Protein backbone atom coordinates (compact mmCIF):
# COMPACT_ATOMS: atom_id res chain seq x y z
CA MET A 1 119.32 93.83 58.03
CA ASP A 2 116.17 92.53 56.32
CA GLU A 3 112.72 94.09 56.65
CA LEU A 4 111.39 91.62 59.22
CA GLU A 5 114.39 92.17 61.48
CA LYS A 6 113.78 95.91 61.32
CA VAL A 7 110.11 95.43 62.19
CA ILE A 8 111.04 93.30 65.23
CA LEU A 9 113.60 95.84 66.44
CA ASP A 10 111.11 98.68 66.05
CA LYS A 11 108.52 96.65 67.96
CA ILE A 12 110.91 96.20 70.90
CA ASP A 13 111.69 99.93 70.91
CA ASN A 14 107.96 100.58 71.13
CA MET A 15 107.70 98.18 74.12
CA ARG A 16 110.50 99.97 75.98
CA GLU A 17 108.40 101.32 78.86
CA GLU A 18 106.54 98.03 79.24
CA ILE A 19 109.83 96.12 79.49
CA ILE A 20 111.13 98.58 82.09
CA GLU A 21 107.98 98.32 84.20
CA PHE A 22 108.06 94.52 84.14
CA LEU A 23 111.68 94.46 85.33
CA GLN A 24 110.82 96.94 88.10
CA GLU A 25 107.99 94.69 89.28
CA MET A 26 110.28 91.63 89.31
CA ILE A 27 112.84 93.49 91.41
CA LYS A 28 110.14 94.25 93.98
CA LYS A 29 109.49 90.53 94.45
CA LEU A 30 112.10 89.07 96.79
CA SER A 31 113.90 86.02 95.43
CA ALA A 32 117.23 85.94 97.27
CA VAL A 33 118.85 82.60 98.02
CA PRO A 34 119.09 81.99 100.87
CA PRO A 35 116.27 81.71 101.84
CA GLY A 36 115.05 80.77 98.35
CA LYS A 37 111.37 81.68 98.55
CA TYR A 38 110.24 81.82 94.93
CA LYS A 39 106.49 81.23 94.94
CA GLU A 40 105.39 84.83 94.45
CA ILE A 41 107.85 85.75 91.70
CA SER A 42 107.37 82.42 89.93
CA LYS A 43 103.62 82.95 89.73
CA PHE A 44 104.12 86.55 88.58
CA ILE A 45 106.43 85.53 85.72
CA ALA A 46 104.18 82.66 84.65
CA SER A 47 101.17 84.98 84.64
CA LYS A 48 102.94 87.48 82.39
CA MET A 49 104.01 84.75 79.96
CA ASN A 50 100.47 83.38 79.79
CA GLU A 51 99.16 86.90 79.20
CA PHE A 52 101.42 87.14 76.14
CA GLY A 53 100.18 83.85 74.70
CA ILE A 54 103.14 81.73 75.73
CA GLN A 55 102.09 78.22 76.76
CA THR A 56 103.45 78.03 80.30
CA GLN A 57 104.04 75.55 83.14
CA ARG A 58 105.75 75.76 86.51
CA LYS A 59 108.01 73.04 87.87
CA ARG A 60 109.41 73.49 91.39
CA HIS A 61 108.96 77.26 90.88
CA ASN A 62 110.89 77.20 87.59
CA VAL A 63 108.83 78.74 84.79
CA ILE A 64 108.88 77.09 81.36
CA GLY A 65 107.04 78.51 78.37
CA GLU A 66 107.01 77.59 74.72
CA ILE A 67 105.76 78.71 71.36
CA GLY A 68 106.08 77.20 67.90
CA ASN A 69 105.92 73.60 66.76
CA GLU A 70 107.86 70.37 66.29
CA GLU A 71 108.61 70.97 62.60
CA GLY A 72 112.17 72.23 63.07
CA PRO A 73 114.90 72.76 65.67
CA THR A 74 114.31 73.87 69.25
CA LEU A 75 115.95 76.97 70.69
CA ILE A 76 116.04 77.53 74.46
CA PHE A 77 116.10 80.91 76.15
CA ASN A 78 117.39 80.59 79.72
CA ALA A 79 117.78 83.14 82.52
CA HIS A 80 117.55 82.99 86.30
CA PHE A 81 115.43 85.08 88.66
CA ASP A 82 117.03 84.09 91.96
CA THR A 83 119.51 86.57 93.41
CA VAL A 84 122.19 86.77 96.06
CA PRO A 85 121.13 88.46 99.33
CA THR A 86 121.31 92.25 99.64
CA PHE A 87 123.78 92.63 102.57
CA ASN A 88 124.31 96.08 104.13
CA GLY A 89 125.45 99.37 102.64
CA TRP A 90 122.80 100.11 100.02
CA THR A 91 121.92 103.76 99.37
CA LYS A 92 118.92 102.75 97.22
CA ASN A 93 116.03 100.45 98.15
CA PRO A 94 117.34 97.03 97.02
CA TYR A 95 113.77 95.95 96.29
CA GLY A 96 112.46 99.26 94.98
CA GLY A 97 113.16 98.88 91.27
CA GLU A 98 113.90 102.61 91.29
CA ARG A 99 114.50 104.31 87.95
CA ILE A 100 117.07 107.10 88.05
CA GLY A 101 117.96 108.55 84.68
CA GLU A 102 118.82 105.69 82.38
CA LYS A 103 119.39 103.15 85.16
CA ILE A 104 117.15 100.75 87.08
CA TYR A 105 118.35 99.93 90.59
CA GLY A 106 117.74 96.87 92.74
CA ARG A 107 118.98 93.41 93.61
CA GLY A 108 118.82 91.35 90.42
CA ALA A 109 118.38 94.40 88.20
CA SER A 110 121.36 93.26 86.17
CA ASP A 111 121.99 89.75 87.49
CA ASP A 112 119.76 88.29 86.12
CA LYS A 113 116.18 89.53 86.17
CA SER A 114 117.00 91.80 83.24
CA CYS A 115 117.54 88.72 81.10
CA VAL A 116 114.27 87.17 82.29
CA ALA A 117 112.51 90.32 81.12
CA ALA A 118 114.48 90.30 77.87
CA GLU A 119 113.66 86.73 76.92
CA ILE A 120 109.95 87.15 77.65
CA PHE A 121 109.55 90.39 75.71
CA ALA A 122 111.66 89.10 72.83
CA THR A 123 109.16 86.25 72.57
CA LYS A 124 106.26 88.71 72.80
CA ALA A 125 107.72 90.69 69.90
CA LEU A 126 107.75 87.55 67.72
CA ILE A 127 104.19 86.69 68.72
CA ASP A 128 102.83 90.20 68.20
CA MET A 129 104.42 90.46 64.76
CA GLY A 130 102.84 87.17 63.71
CA VAL A 131 106.16 85.41 63.05
CA LYS A 132 105.61 81.77 62.11
CA LEU A 133 108.39 79.71 63.59
CA ASN A 134 109.85 76.70 61.85
CA GLY A 135 110.50 74.96 65.15
CA LYS A 136 110.04 75.53 68.86
CA LEU A 137 111.14 78.31 71.18
CA ILE A 138 111.38 77.45 74.90
CA VAL A 139 111.50 80.32 77.40
CA SER A 140 112.80 79.31 80.82
CA GLY A 141 113.12 81.37 83.98
CA VAL A 142 114.90 79.35 86.65
CA ILE A 143 115.81 79.28 90.33
CA ASN A 144 118.96 78.54 92.34
CA GLU A 145 121.58 79.60 89.80
CA GLU A 146 123.39 81.51 92.53
CA ILE A 147 123.87 78.32 94.55
CA GLY A 148 124.92 76.02 91.72
CA GLY A 149 121.72 75.47 89.73
CA MET A 150 120.38 72.53 91.73
CA LEU A 151 116.59 72.16 91.28
CA GLY A 152 116.81 74.91 88.68
CA SER A 153 118.47 74.44 85.29
CA GLU A 154 120.05 71.22 86.53
CA PHE A 155 116.62 69.75 87.29
CA LEU A 156 115.01 70.93 84.05
CA VAL A 157 117.81 69.66 81.82
CA ASN A 158 118.71 66.41 83.56
CA ASP A 159 115.06 65.38 83.95
CA GLY A 160 114.40 66.10 80.27
CA ILE A 161 111.80 68.78 81.00
CA VAL A 162 113.74 71.21 78.82
CA LYS A 163 115.36 69.78 75.67
CA GLY A 164 116.67 71.53 72.61
CA ASP A 165 119.30 71.95 69.93
CA ALA A 166 120.69 75.32 70.99
CA CYS A 167 120.51 77.59 74.02
CA LEU A 168 120.84 81.34 74.34
CA LEU A 169 121.62 81.94 78.00
CA GLY A 170 121.56 85.30 79.78
CA ASP A 171 123.69 85.98 82.85
CA SER A 172 126.56 87.37 80.84
CA VAL A 173 128.67 90.36 79.94
CA CYS A 174 127.42 93.19 77.76
CA ASP A 175 128.16 94.11 74.13
CA TYR A 176 129.70 90.79 73.06
CA PRO A 177 128.56 87.17 72.70
CA VAL A 178 130.32 84.67 74.97
CA ALA A 179 131.39 81.30 73.61
CA TYR A 180 134.27 80.47 75.97
CA ARG A 181 133.70 79.84 79.65
CA ALA A 182 135.96 79.20 82.60
CA GLY A 183 135.95 76.24 84.93
CA THR A 184 135.63 76.33 88.69
CA PHE A 185 135.55 74.28 91.84
CA GLN A 186 134.51 75.15 95.37
CA ILE A 187 136.63 73.61 98.08
CA SER A 188 136.07 73.83 101.83
CA PHE A 189 138.47 72.96 104.65
CA ILE A 190 137.02 72.11 108.07
CA ILE A 191 139.49 71.79 110.94
CA LYS A 192 138.47 70.62 114.44
CA GLY A 193 140.57 71.19 117.54
CA ILE A 194 140.23 71.55 121.31
CA ARG A 195 138.71 74.59 123.03
CA ARG A 196 140.61 75.82 126.07
CA HIS A 197 141.39 79.01 127.99
CA ALA A 198 143.71 80.85 125.59
CA GLN A 199 146.02 82.21 128.30
CA GLY A 200 146.05 79.24 130.65
CA TRP A 201 146.38 76.41 128.16
CA PRO A 202 147.41 77.92 124.80
CA ASP A 203 148.34 75.84 121.77
CA LEU A 204 152.14 75.84 122.03
CA PRO A 205 154.72 73.21 121.05
CA PRO A 206 156.47 71.05 123.67
CA PRO A 207 157.70 71.54 126.30
CA ASN A 208 155.15 74.35 126.79
CA ARG A 209 152.04 72.21 126.71
CA ASN A 210 150.40 69.31 128.51
CA ILE A 211 147.40 67.03 128.06
CA TYR A 212 145.04 69.93 128.85
CA SER A 213 146.37 72.31 126.17
CA GLY A 214 144.11 73.54 123.42
CA ILE A 215 144.45 72.84 119.71
CA ASN A 216 144.12 76.10 117.76
CA THR A 217 142.33 75.49 114.48
CA ILE A 218 142.98 78.99 113.11
CA ASN A 219 146.70 78.44 113.52
CA LYS A 220 146.40 75.14 111.71
CA MET A 221 144.53 76.79 108.81
CA LEU A 222 147.41 79.20 108.13
CA PRO A 223 149.68 76.73 106.26
CA ILE A 224 146.76 75.88 103.96
CA MET A 225 146.10 79.54 103.21
CA ASN A 226 149.80 80.15 102.60
CA PHE A 227 149.95 77.20 100.21
CA LEU A 228 146.92 78.50 98.28
CA MET A 229 148.42 82.00 98.08
CA GLU A 230 151.62 80.49 96.68
CA LEU A 231 149.49 78.58 94.20
CA GLN A 232 147.91 81.87 93.10
CA GLU A 233 151.36 83.31 92.46
CA GLU A 234 152.15 80.33 90.27
CA LEU A 235 148.88 80.65 88.35
CA LYS A 236 149.77 84.23 87.39
CA SER A 237 152.23 82.91 84.83
CA LYS A 238 149.56 81.39 82.55
CA GLU A 239 147.14 83.71 80.70
CA THR A 240 144.18 82.60 78.62
CA LYS A 241 144.44 82.95 74.85
CA TYR A 242 140.71 83.73 74.55
CA PRO A 243 139.69 87.39 74.25
CA LEU A 244 138.15 89.11 77.28
CA SER A 245 135.30 91.56 77.14
CA PRO A 246 136.46 95.10 78.00
CA ASP A 247 135.05 95.09 81.55
CA MET A 248 136.58 91.74 82.57
CA PRO A 249 140.03 92.39 84.10
CA SER A 250 141.57 88.96 84.69
CA LYS A 251 143.22 86.65 82.16
CA ILE A 252 144.44 84.14 84.74
CA SER A 253 143.04 81.49 87.06
CA SER A 254 142.21 82.76 90.54
CA VAL A 255 142.17 81.47 94.11
CA ASN A 256 139.53 83.24 96.15
CA PHE A 257 139.12 82.95 99.92
CA THR A 258 135.41 83.71 100.10
CA MET A 259 134.44 82.85 103.70
CA ILE A 260 136.29 81.98 106.89
CA GLU A 261 134.75 81.12 110.25
CA GLY A 262 136.47 80.34 113.52
CA GLY A 263 136.63 81.09 117.20
CA VAL A 264 134.07 81.88 119.90
CA SER A 265 135.79 84.58 121.98
CA VAL A 266 139.00 86.59 122.11
CA ASN A 267 140.26 84.64 125.13
CA THR A 268 139.44 81.10 124.00
CA VAL A 269 141.41 78.68 121.85
CA PRO A 270 139.26 78.20 118.69
CA ASP A 271 138.21 74.57 118.37
CA LYS A 272 136.84 74.89 114.85
CA CYS A 273 137.86 76.78 111.72
CA VAL A 274 136.18 76.60 108.30
CA LEU A 275 137.64 78.07 105.13
CA HIS A 276 135.60 78.23 101.93
CA CYS A 277 137.58 78.77 98.76
CA LEU A 278 136.48 79.25 95.15
CA ILE A 279 139.05 78.42 92.51
CA ASN A 280 138.25 79.73 89.05
CA THR A 281 140.25 78.46 86.10
CA ILE A 282 140.92 79.62 82.57
CA PRO A 283 140.10 76.97 79.92
CA GLU A 284 143.77 76.12 79.50
CA GLN A 285 144.13 75.10 83.16
CA ASN A 286 143.66 71.46 84.16
CA ILE A 287 141.20 71.48 87.08
CA ASP A 288 141.90 67.90 88.17
CA GLU A 289 145.62 68.67 88.39
CA LEU A 290 144.94 71.59 90.74
CA LYS A 291 142.63 69.51 92.92
CA THR A 292 145.21 66.72 93.17
CA ARG A 293 147.94 69.13 94.21
CA ILE A 294 145.78 70.62 96.96
CA LEU A 295 144.64 67.24 98.27
CA ASP A 296 148.22 65.90 98.21
CA PHE A 297 149.35 68.93 100.24
CA ILE A 298 146.65 68.21 102.83
CA GLU A 299 147.75 64.59 103.09
CA ASP A 300 151.32 65.71 103.71
CA LEU A 301 150.13 68.06 106.46
CA LYS A 302 148.26 65.23 108.15
CA LYS A 303 151.31 62.97 108.05
CA ASN A 304 153.43 65.63 109.72
CA ASP A 305 150.85 66.75 112.28
CA PRO A 306 149.06 64.00 114.24
CA ASN A 307 146.84 66.66 115.87
CA LEU A 308 145.43 67.87 112.55
CA ASP A 309 141.78 66.81 112.34
CA ILE A 310 140.73 68.09 108.91
CA THR A 311 137.95 67.35 106.42
CA VAL A 312 138.05 68.57 102.82
CA GLN A 313 134.86 68.97 100.80
CA ILE A 314 134.54 69.78 97.10
CA SER A 315 130.93 70.78 96.55
CA ILE A 316 131.04 72.24 93.03
CA HIS A 317 133.11 71.15 90.04
CA ILE A 318 132.53 72.71 86.62
CA GLU A 319 134.82 72.05 83.68
CA PRO A 320 135.61 74.85 81.21
CA GLN A 321 133.49 74.86 78.04
CA ILE A 322 134.23 75.99 74.51
CA THR A 323 131.45 76.52 71.96
CA ASP A 324 132.14 76.13 68.23
CA THR A 325 132.12 79.69 66.89
CA ASN A 326 131.86 78.48 63.29
CA SER A 327 128.54 76.66 63.73
CA ASP A 328 125.33 77.85 62.10
CA PHE A 329 123.97 78.88 65.50
CA ALA A 330 127.10 80.89 66.32
CA LYS A 331 126.89 82.68 62.97
CA ILE A 332 123.23 83.55 63.62
CA VAL A 333 124.16 85.00 67.03
CA LYS A 334 126.95 87.08 65.45
CA ASN A 335 124.53 88.34 62.80
CA ALA A 336 122.15 89.38 65.59
CA TYR A 337 124.89 91.55 67.08
CA GLN A 338 125.48 93.03 63.65
CA ALA A 339 121.77 93.86 63.34
CA VAL A 340 121.56 95.46 66.80
CA TYR A 341 124.90 97.31 66.94
CA ASN A 342 125.52 97.87 63.21
CA GLU A 343 128.97 96.36 63.48
CA GLU A 344 130.57 92.94 63.92
CA ARG A 345 131.18 91.79 67.50
CA ASP A 346 133.55 88.87 68.15
CA PHE A 347 133.08 86.13 70.73
CA LYS A 348 134.63 86.60 74.15
CA ILE A 349 135.44 84.56 77.25
CA MET A 350 133.65 84.98 80.59
CA LEU A 351 135.29 83.72 83.77
CA PRO A 352 132.29 83.66 86.14
CA THR A 353 130.45 80.35 85.81
CA THR A 354 126.75 80.08 85.01
CA ASP A 355 124.13 77.41 84.30
CA ALA A 356 125.53 77.01 80.78
CA HIS A 357 127.37 73.79 81.59
CA PHE A 358 124.12 71.91 82.28
CA PHE A 359 123.03 72.51 78.69
CA GLN A 360 126.47 71.98 77.20
CA GLN A 361 126.84 68.61 78.94
CA LYS A 362 123.66 67.44 77.19
CA GLY A 363 125.06 68.38 73.80
CA ILE A 364 122.99 71.57 73.58
CA GLU A 365 125.06 74.24 71.86
CA THR A 366 125.14 77.19 74.27
CA ILE A 367 126.08 80.83 73.81
CA LEU A 368 125.74 83.58 76.41
CA ILE A 369 124.56 87.15 76.04
CA GLY A 370 123.74 89.63 78.77
CA PRO A 371 123.75 93.18 80.15
CA PHE A 372 126.60 92.95 82.70
CA ARG A 373 129.08 95.83 82.93
CA GLY A 374 131.83 96.33 85.46
CA ASP A 375 130.04 99.26 87.07
CA ASN A 376 126.72 97.42 87.55
CA ASN A 377 127.72 96.41 91.11
CA ILE A 378 126.68 92.80 90.59
CA HIS A 379 126.70 90.92 93.94
CA SER A 380 127.43 94.25 95.62
CA THR A 381 125.51 97.29 96.89
CA ASP A 382 123.35 99.52 94.66
CA GLU A 383 123.18 97.01 91.81
CA PHE A 384 121.71 98.49 88.64
CA VAL A 385 121.27 97.90 84.92
CA TYR A 386 121.43 100.42 82.10
CA ILE A 387 118.08 100.62 80.36
CA GLU A 388 119.74 100.70 76.95
CA ASP A 389 121.51 97.41 77.72
CA LEU A 390 118.22 95.85 78.83
CA ILE A 391 116.58 96.82 75.53
CA ASN A 392 119.54 95.68 73.43
CA VAL A 393 119.60 92.25 75.09
CA THR A 394 115.89 91.90 74.33
CA LYS A 395 116.65 92.67 70.69
CA LEU A 396 119.49 90.14 70.58
CA TYR A 397 117.21 87.40 71.93
CA ALA A 398 114.51 88.23 69.39
CA ILE A 399 116.74 88.45 66.30
CA THR A 400 118.56 85.24 67.22
CA ALA A 401 115.28 83.33 67.62
CA LEU A 402 113.85 84.84 64.44
CA ASN A 403 116.76 83.70 62.28
CA TYR A 404 117.34 80.34 63.98
CA LEU A 405 113.71 79.31 63.70
CA ARG A 406 112.66 80.53 60.27
């Protein structure tokens, strides 16, 4: 570790309470999607960035700041401040930002407001220490990551508002850099039938039916669910070759039934059933092959059942991505981990998808870092982040930017 790196790390340690307080204030500002009301938190983040001397603009509630110049490469920091809803079952105030011991509780505490705080205070550390950058640093806090990134990172990248050579993206597992990312697609099945009295005109095969009989859409969804469960069994035979972080349990592709809706009363034939399914794939799995198999199965069902009125929608499709771990940027990220943890940390794979693919598709080399641990209760009740992880992520951002842009 050189002297300037040590100075930057000491500076971040000295800002510890300020970083904690900023994260607590962000947690108090509701930004769940739905409903996706971001005006208050967007203004709050932009105000803090301006206070630190970061040239800032807001686009559709996304916050984009920058420091540096055009003399060298451009590095992008990216993190999202939208969250999933809170749901029921919390024992802490989900919007309290409560500090208990070495934890901060609240929706978004870990995913991903901690990384918004980290990127901003990493930039502040560089500014306060008078670091002259040989290039530009862009700091972006974005919306809508939890619903696919539309009007968030997708808008900023595809409209050319944010451009760069490399991206350090939060929203990731703790202790290790992530260079390998899974693929995913979201598929929904919508079946329509006929609503009838369930006892008087049930959905039964001939000869126990007539023209007034109902068509039970839940019954008709069962073969699809059985097929997908059999597909999951098949997928268990192929494990990824890429190393997992310690808190990530699965090495295989997964089929997840995430929502199912159907029926209006216990004594009525359900005339509509909707199944939402998220299929997550290891990099070695061909996504298009899986989609074709599922769609072919549906076509066969329709041929054999003239009463099957089904629509299939694929709303999200993200291919797996692999970042070159031998690039100059990757080596700088690894050196940052060495500086922060005093030991080498190898690249890992992360199966949950993020906004990283928007940057990768534009040829922007993208590596993920973050504070996520298995016990952080991300997307669950009593979400929290360890303060030490929050501070370490801030350090990783700062050391990476320092060495990439000097």
